[in-house]
Every structure is written in structure tokens, then in C-alpha cells.
N, C-alpha and C. Protein backbone atom coordinates (compact mmCIF):
# COMPACT_ATOMS: atom_id res chain seq x y z
N MET A 1 11.37 -24.07 135.18
CA MET A 1 12.69 -24.64 135.31
C MET A 1 13.38 -23.99 136.51
N SER A 2 13.99 -24.78 137.31
CA SER A 2 14.59 -24.28 138.54
C SER A 2 16.11 -24.37 138.51
N ILE A 3 16.71 -23.74 137.50
CA ILE A 3 18.17 -23.72 137.40
C ILE A 3 18.65 -22.32 137.70
N ARG A 4 19.69 -22.25 138.49
CA ARG A 4 20.33 -20.97 138.78
C ARG A 4 21.67 -20.97 138.06
N LYS A 5 21.80 -20.07 137.06
CA LYS A 5 23.08 -19.94 136.36
C LYS A 5 24.03 -19.15 137.26
N LEU A 6 25.28 -19.58 137.27
CA LEU A 6 26.29 -18.94 138.10
C LEU A 6 27.43 -18.45 137.22
N TYR A 7 28.39 -17.79 137.80
CA TYR A 7 29.43 -17.13 137.02
C TYR A 7 30.79 -17.80 137.13
N LYS A 8 30.85 -19.08 136.83
CA LYS A 8 32.12 -19.82 136.86
C LYS A 8 32.88 -19.57 138.15
N THR A 9 32.27 -19.95 139.24
CA THR A 9 32.88 -19.79 140.56
C THR A 9 33.79 -20.98 140.84
N PRO A 10 35.01 -20.76 141.32
CA PRO A 10 35.90 -21.88 141.62
C PRO A 10 35.33 -22.77 142.72
N THR A 11 35.59 -24.06 142.61
CA THR A 11 35.21 -25.02 143.65
C THR A 11 36.42 -25.92 143.92
N ALA A 12 36.31 -26.74 144.93
CA ALA A 12 37.36 -27.73 145.21
C ALA A 12 37.10 -29.02 144.43
N GLY A 13 36.10 -29.03 143.59
CA GLY A 13 35.82 -30.20 142.76
C GLY A 13 34.85 -31.18 143.38
N GLY A 14 34.37 -30.87 144.58
CA GLY A 14 33.37 -31.74 145.20
C GLY A 14 33.93 -33.03 145.74
N LEU A 15 35.12 -32.97 146.29
CA LEU A 15 35.76 -34.19 146.76
C LEU A 15 35.20 -34.71 148.08
N VAL A 16 34.51 -33.86 148.83
CA VAL A 16 34.05 -34.28 150.15
C VAL A 16 32.55 -34.50 150.21
N PHE A 17 31.76 -33.49 149.93
CA PHE A 17 30.32 -33.56 150.15
C PHE A 17 29.52 -33.89 148.90
N TRP A 18 30.15 -33.89 147.74
CA TRP A 18 29.44 -34.03 146.48
C TRP A 18 29.68 -35.38 145.85
N GLU A 19 28.65 -35.93 145.22
CA GLU A 19 28.73 -37.21 144.53
C GLU A 19 28.52 -36.97 143.03
N ASP A 20 29.41 -37.47 142.20
CA ASP A 20 29.25 -37.35 140.76
C ASP A 20 28.11 -38.26 140.30
N LEU A 21 27.17 -37.68 139.54
CA LEU A 21 26.06 -38.46 139.00
C LEU A 21 26.23 -38.72 137.51
N ALA A 22 26.87 -37.77 136.82
CA ALA A 22 27.05 -37.92 135.38
C ALA A 22 28.25 -37.09 134.94
N GLU A 23 28.88 -37.53 133.85
CA GLU A 23 29.98 -36.79 133.26
C GLU A 23 29.77 -36.69 131.76
N ILE A 24 29.96 -35.49 131.22
CA ILE A 24 29.80 -35.25 129.80
C ILE A 24 31.02 -34.45 129.33
N ASN A 25 31.97 -35.11 128.68
CA ASN A 25 33.20 -34.46 128.20
C ASN A 25 33.92 -33.67 129.30
N GLY A 26 33.99 -34.24 130.48
CA GLY A 26 34.67 -33.59 131.59
C GLY A 26 33.78 -32.70 132.44
N TRP A 27 32.61 -32.35 131.93
CA TRP A 27 31.64 -31.56 132.69
C TRP A 27 30.88 -32.54 133.58
N ARG A 28 30.68 -32.19 134.86
CA ARG A 28 30.07 -33.13 135.80
C ARG A 28 28.82 -32.56 136.45
N ILE A 29 27.83 -33.41 136.60
CA ILE A 29 26.66 -33.10 137.42
C ILE A 29 26.88 -33.79 138.75
N GLN A 30 26.76 -33.01 139.83
CA GLN A 30 26.98 -33.55 141.17
C GLN A 30 25.76 -33.34 142.05
N TYR A 31 25.69 -34.16 143.10
CA TYR A 31 24.58 -34.11 144.05
C TYR A 31 25.14 -34.07 145.47
N ASN A 32 24.53 -33.24 146.31
CA ASN A 32 24.92 -33.13 147.71
C ASN A 32 23.70 -33.45 148.56
N LYS A 33 23.69 -34.64 149.17
CA LYS A 33 22.50 -35.06 149.92
C LYS A 33 22.28 -34.22 151.18
N THR A 34 23.31 -33.57 151.70
CA THR A 34 23.12 -32.75 152.90
C THR A 34 22.35 -31.47 152.59
N LEU A 35 22.32 -31.06 151.34
CA LEU A 35 21.59 -29.85 150.97
C LEU A 35 20.14 -30.13 150.60
N ASP A 36 19.83 -31.37 150.35
CA ASP A 36 18.48 -31.73 149.91
C ASP A 36 17.48 -31.57 151.07
N HIS A 37 16.47 -30.76 150.88
CA HIS A 37 15.33 -30.56 151.80
C HIS A 37 15.65 -29.75 153.06
N ILE A 38 16.91 -29.44 153.34
CA ILE A 38 17.19 -28.71 154.58
C ILE A 38 17.92 -27.39 154.34
N SER A 39 18.11 -27.03 153.11
CA SER A 39 18.91 -25.85 152.82
C SER A 39 18.28 -25.04 151.70
N PRO A 40 18.45 -23.72 151.73
CA PRO A 40 17.99 -22.92 150.59
C PRO A 40 18.90 -23.10 149.37
N LEU A 41 20.07 -23.71 149.56
CA LEU A 41 20.96 -23.97 148.44
C LEU A 41 20.45 -25.16 147.64
N LYS A 42 20.74 -25.17 146.36
CA LYS A 42 20.27 -26.24 145.49
C LYS A 42 21.21 -27.44 145.57
N PRO A 43 20.66 -28.66 145.68
CA PRO A 43 21.49 -29.84 145.92
C PRO A 43 22.17 -30.42 144.68
N TYR A 44 21.81 -29.96 143.48
CA TYR A 44 22.45 -30.45 142.26
C TYR A 44 23.24 -29.31 141.63
N ARG A 45 24.39 -29.65 141.03
CA ARG A 45 25.19 -28.61 140.40
C ARG A 45 25.93 -29.15 139.19
N LEU A 46 26.30 -28.22 138.30
CA LEU A 46 27.06 -28.54 137.11
C LEU A 46 28.41 -27.86 137.22
N LEU A 47 29.48 -28.65 137.09
CA LEU A 47 30.85 -28.13 137.08
C LEU A 47 31.43 -28.31 135.69
N ASP A 48 32.25 -27.34 135.27
CA ASP A 48 32.92 -27.52 133.99
C ASP A 48 34.15 -28.40 134.18
N ASN A 49 34.91 -28.61 133.12
CA ASN A 49 36.05 -29.52 133.20
C ASN A 49 37.24 -28.96 133.98
N SER A 50 37.12 -27.73 134.49
CA SER A 50 38.14 -27.14 135.35
C SER A 50 37.62 -26.95 136.78
N ASN A 51 36.51 -27.59 137.12
CA ASN A 51 35.88 -27.55 138.44
C ASN A 51 35.30 -26.18 138.80
N TYR A 52 34.91 -25.40 137.78
CA TYR A 52 34.21 -24.15 138.04
C TYR A 52 32.71 -24.43 138.07
N LEU A 53 32.03 -23.81 139.03
CA LEU A 53 30.58 -23.97 139.18
C LEU A 53 29.87 -23.17 138.10
N ILE A 54 29.02 -23.85 137.34
CA ILE A 54 28.31 -23.23 136.23
C ILE A 54 26.84 -22.98 136.57
N ALA A 55 26.20 -23.95 137.18
CA ALA A 55 24.77 -23.83 137.48
C ALA A 55 24.41 -24.76 138.62
N SER A 56 23.30 -24.45 139.28
CA SER A 56 22.76 -25.34 140.31
C SER A 56 21.28 -25.52 140.06
N ALA A 57 20.73 -26.62 140.60
CA ALA A 57 19.32 -26.93 140.33
C ALA A 57 18.71 -27.67 141.51
N ASP A 58 17.36 -27.65 141.55
CA ASP A 58 16.63 -28.34 142.59
C ASP A 58 16.53 -29.84 142.34
N SER A 59 16.59 -30.25 141.06
CA SER A 59 16.46 -31.67 140.76
C SER A 59 17.33 -32.03 139.57
N LEU A 60 17.61 -33.30 139.45
CA LEU A 60 18.41 -33.79 138.33
C LEU A 60 17.68 -33.59 137.01
N GLU A 61 16.36 -33.68 137.03
CA GLU A 61 15.57 -33.51 135.82
C GLU A 61 15.74 -32.12 135.20
N ASN A 62 16.11 -31.13 136.03
CA ASN A 62 16.34 -29.79 135.51
C ASN A 62 17.53 -29.74 134.55
N PHE A 63 18.46 -30.68 134.70
CA PHE A 63 19.62 -30.76 133.83
C PHE A 63 19.35 -31.73 132.68
N ASP A 64 18.35 -31.41 131.86
CA ASP A 64 18.07 -32.27 130.71
C ASP A 64 19.11 -32.02 129.61
N ARG A 65 19.07 -32.84 128.57
CA ARG A 65 20.08 -32.78 127.50
C ARG A 65 20.14 -31.40 126.86
N GLU A 66 18.99 -30.80 126.59
CA GLU A 66 18.95 -29.49 125.94
C GLU A 66 19.59 -28.41 126.84
N THR A 67 19.24 -28.44 128.11
CA THR A 67 19.78 -27.46 129.06
C THR A 67 21.29 -27.60 129.20
N ILE A 68 21.76 -28.83 129.34
CA ILE A 68 23.20 -29.09 129.46
C ILE A 68 23.93 -28.57 128.23
N THR A 69 23.40 -28.86 127.05
CA THR A 69 24.02 -28.41 125.80
C THR A 69 24.09 -26.89 125.75
N GLU A 70 23.01 -26.22 126.14
CA GLU A 70 23.00 -24.75 126.16
C GLU A 70 24.02 -24.20 127.14
N LEU A 71 24.09 -24.78 128.34
CA LEU A 71 25.04 -24.30 129.35
C LEU A 71 26.49 -24.51 128.91
N ILE A 72 26.78 -25.68 128.34
CA ILE A 72 28.14 -25.94 127.87
C ILE A 72 28.52 -24.96 126.76
N THR A 73 27.61 -24.72 125.84
CA THR A 73 27.87 -23.77 124.76
C THR A 73 28.09 -22.37 125.30
N GLU A 74 27.22 -21.95 126.22
CA GLU A 74 27.31 -20.59 126.76
C GLU A 74 28.56 -20.37 127.60
N TYR A 75 28.95 -21.36 128.42
CA TYR A 75 30.02 -21.16 129.38
C TYR A 75 31.39 -21.66 128.91
N SER A 76 31.47 -22.37 127.80
CA SER A 76 32.75 -22.89 127.34
C SER A 76 33.75 -21.77 127.04
N GLU A 77 33.27 -20.69 126.49
CA GLU A 77 34.15 -19.58 126.12
C GLU A 77 34.26 -18.50 127.20
N ARG A 78 33.43 -18.56 128.19
CA ARG A 78 33.38 -17.52 129.23
C ARG A 78 34.50 -17.73 130.24
N GLY A 79 35.14 -16.66 130.63
CA GLY A 79 36.17 -16.73 131.65
C GLY A 79 35.56 -16.79 133.04
N ALA A 80 36.36 -17.18 134.00
CA ALA A 80 35.90 -17.26 135.39
C ALA A 80 35.71 -15.87 135.97
N CYS A 81 34.77 -15.74 136.90
CA CYS A 81 34.53 -14.45 137.54
C CYS A 81 35.65 -14.13 138.53
N ILE A 82 36.22 -15.16 139.11
CA ILE A 82 37.33 -15.01 140.04
C ILE A 82 38.16 -16.30 139.96
N THR A 83 39.46 -16.14 140.01
CA THR A 83 40.32 -17.31 139.87
C THR A 83 40.70 -17.87 141.24
N ASN A 84 41.23 -19.08 141.23
CA ASN A 84 41.70 -19.68 142.49
C ASN A 84 42.82 -18.85 143.09
N ALA A 85 43.68 -18.27 142.25
CA ALA A 85 44.77 -17.42 142.76
C ALA A 85 44.21 -16.19 143.46
N GLN A 86 43.17 -15.58 142.89
CA GLN A 86 42.56 -14.42 143.52
C GLN A 86 41.91 -14.78 144.85
N ILE A 87 41.29 -15.95 144.92
CA ILE A 87 40.71 -16.40 146.18
C ILE A 87 41.81 -16.59 147.22
N GLY A 88 42.92 -17.19 146.81
CA GLY A 88 44.06 -17.37 147.72
C GLY A 88 44.57 -16.04 148.25
N GLU A 89 44.68 -15.04 147.37
CA GLU A 89 45.12 -13.70 147.80
C GLU A 89 44.12 -13.11 148.80
N PHE A 90 42.85 -13.24 148.51
CA PHE A 90 41.81 -12.71 149.40
C PHE A 90 41.90 -13.36 150.78
N ILE A 91 42.05 -14.67 150.81
CA ILE A 91 42.14 -15.39 152.09
C ILE A 91 43.38 -14.94 152.87
N THR A 92 44.48 -14.73 152.17
CA THR A 92 45.70 -14.25 152.82
C THR A 92 45.48 -12.87 153.44
N ILE A 93 44.83 -11.98 152.70
CA ILE A 93 44.57 -10.62 153.21
C ILE A 93 43.64 -10.66 154.41
N VAL A 94 42.55 -11.42 154.30
CA VAL A 94 41.59 -11.52 155.41
C VAL A 94 42.27 -12.14 156.63
N GLY A 95 43.07 -13.17 156.42
CA GLY A 95 43.79 -13.79 157.53
C GLY A 95 44.75 -12.82 158.19
N SER A 96 45.45 -12.02 157.39
CA SER A 96 46.37 -11.03 157.95
C SER A 96 45.63 -9.98 158.75
N LEU A 97 44.50 -9.52 158.23
CA LEU A 97 43.70 -8.53 158.95
C LEU A 97 43.15 -9.10 160.26
N ALA A 98 42.73 -10.35 160.23
CA ALA A 98 42.23 -10.98 161.45
C ALA A 98 43.35 -11.10 162.48
N LEU A 99 44.55 -11.45 162.04
CA LEU A 99 45.68 -11.56 162.95
C LEU A 99 46.04 -10.20 163.54
N ILE A 100 46.03 -9.16 162.72
CA ILE A 100 46.31 -7.81 163.21
C ILE A 100 45.25 -7.40 164.23
N ALA A 101 43.99 -7.65 163.91
CA ALA A 101 42.91 -7.30 164.83
C ALA A 101 43.05 -8.07 166.14
N TYR A 102 43.38 -9.35 166.07
CA TYR A 102 43.54 -10.16 167.27
C TYR A 102 44.70 -9.66 168.11
N LYS A 103 45.82 -9.36 167.47
CA LYS A 103 46.99 -8.87 168.22
C LYS A 103 46.67 -7.52 168.86
N GLY A 104 45.93 -6.68 168.15
CA GLY A 104 45.53 -5.40 168.73
C GLY A 104 44.65 -5.60 169.94
N TYR A 105 43.70 -6.54 169.85
CA TYR A 105 42.82 -6.87 170.97
C TYR A 105 43.64 -7.42 172.13
N ASP A 106 44.56 -8.31 171.83
CA ASP A 106 45.41 -8.91 172.84
C ASP A 106 46.26 -7.85 173.54
N ASN A 107 46.77 -6.89 172.77
CA ASN A 107 47.58 -5.81 173.36
C ASN A 107 46.74 -4.91 174.26
N LYS A 108 45.47 -4.67 173.90
CA LYS A 108 44.59 -3.86 174.75
C LYS A 108 44.36 -4.57 176.08
N LYS A 109 44.19 -5.89 176.05
CA LYS A 109 44.01 -6.64 177.28
C LYS A 109 45.25 -6.55 178.16
N LYS A 110 46.41 -6.63 177.56
CA LYS A 110 47.66 -6.53 178.31
C LYS A 110 47.80 -5.15 178.95
N MET A 111 47.42 -4.12 178.20
CA MET A 111 47.51 -2.75 178.73
C MET A 111 46.57 -2.57 179.92
N LYS A 112 45.36 -3.14 179.84
CA LYS A 112 44.42 -3.04 180.95
C LYS A 112 44.99 -3.71 182.19
N ASN A 113 45.66 -4.83 182.01
CA ASN A 113 46.23 -5.54 183.14
C ASN A 113 47.37 -4.75 183.79
N LEU A 114 48.04 -3.90 183.04
CA LEU A 114 49.14 -3.11 183.59
C LEU A 114 48.64 -1.90 184.38
N ILE A 115 47.44 -1.43 184.06
CA ILE A 115 46.90 -0.22 184.71
C ILE A 115 46.35 -0.54 186.06
């Protein structure tokens, strides 16, 4: 079986690159054709009803009824490993650090021009 279990990672819900293939009580199996055959990432994935990534697979057949039932049972009560709010905070911090680094670089260039 070629399923990779994941830790409830937030997603954007697959609005751009992902196609919904099936829905089971709000849980969705999606497919990304750009990942098929050209990427080490798995082209099929299972999202819970809050758009958290639960598992990925090489083929749709890997998500059989028994496997889906086990994953839903296992992950229904599990909390997310990181929330969307935490990701937002992280992006804000990284963006601020990048801006500080850029301004520092820009100031060094200005100082060189003055010398």
C-alpha cells in the first residue's frame, strides 16, 4: 500500500491545482494531474472536512473503503499539527526578517556608494 499518513497539515482546500474525485461526509479525495509521473509528491490526497491534509497516495485505488474508514476514524479526533493562524504568524515573521535583511543589504550598498 502506498499511502503516506500526514499530520493534519492545513491546505487552501485545493481550489487551484486539485480536482475533487470523491466526497465522504465532507472528507474529500483530490487529484493533482501536475504531480502525476513528474514529481516525488503523491498526486492523490485525502482532506478532512476542515481542509486539513490527512494522507496522500500514488493511486486512487490506495484509498479503498477500508483505508478511508480507518483514516477517518483515526484522524477525526486528532488535532492539527499546526493551525492556519500559526502559519500566518510564521509568514509574518519570515516576511519581517526578509524585509530587515533586505533593508540592511540596501543600506550597505548605500554606504559603499558614499565611500
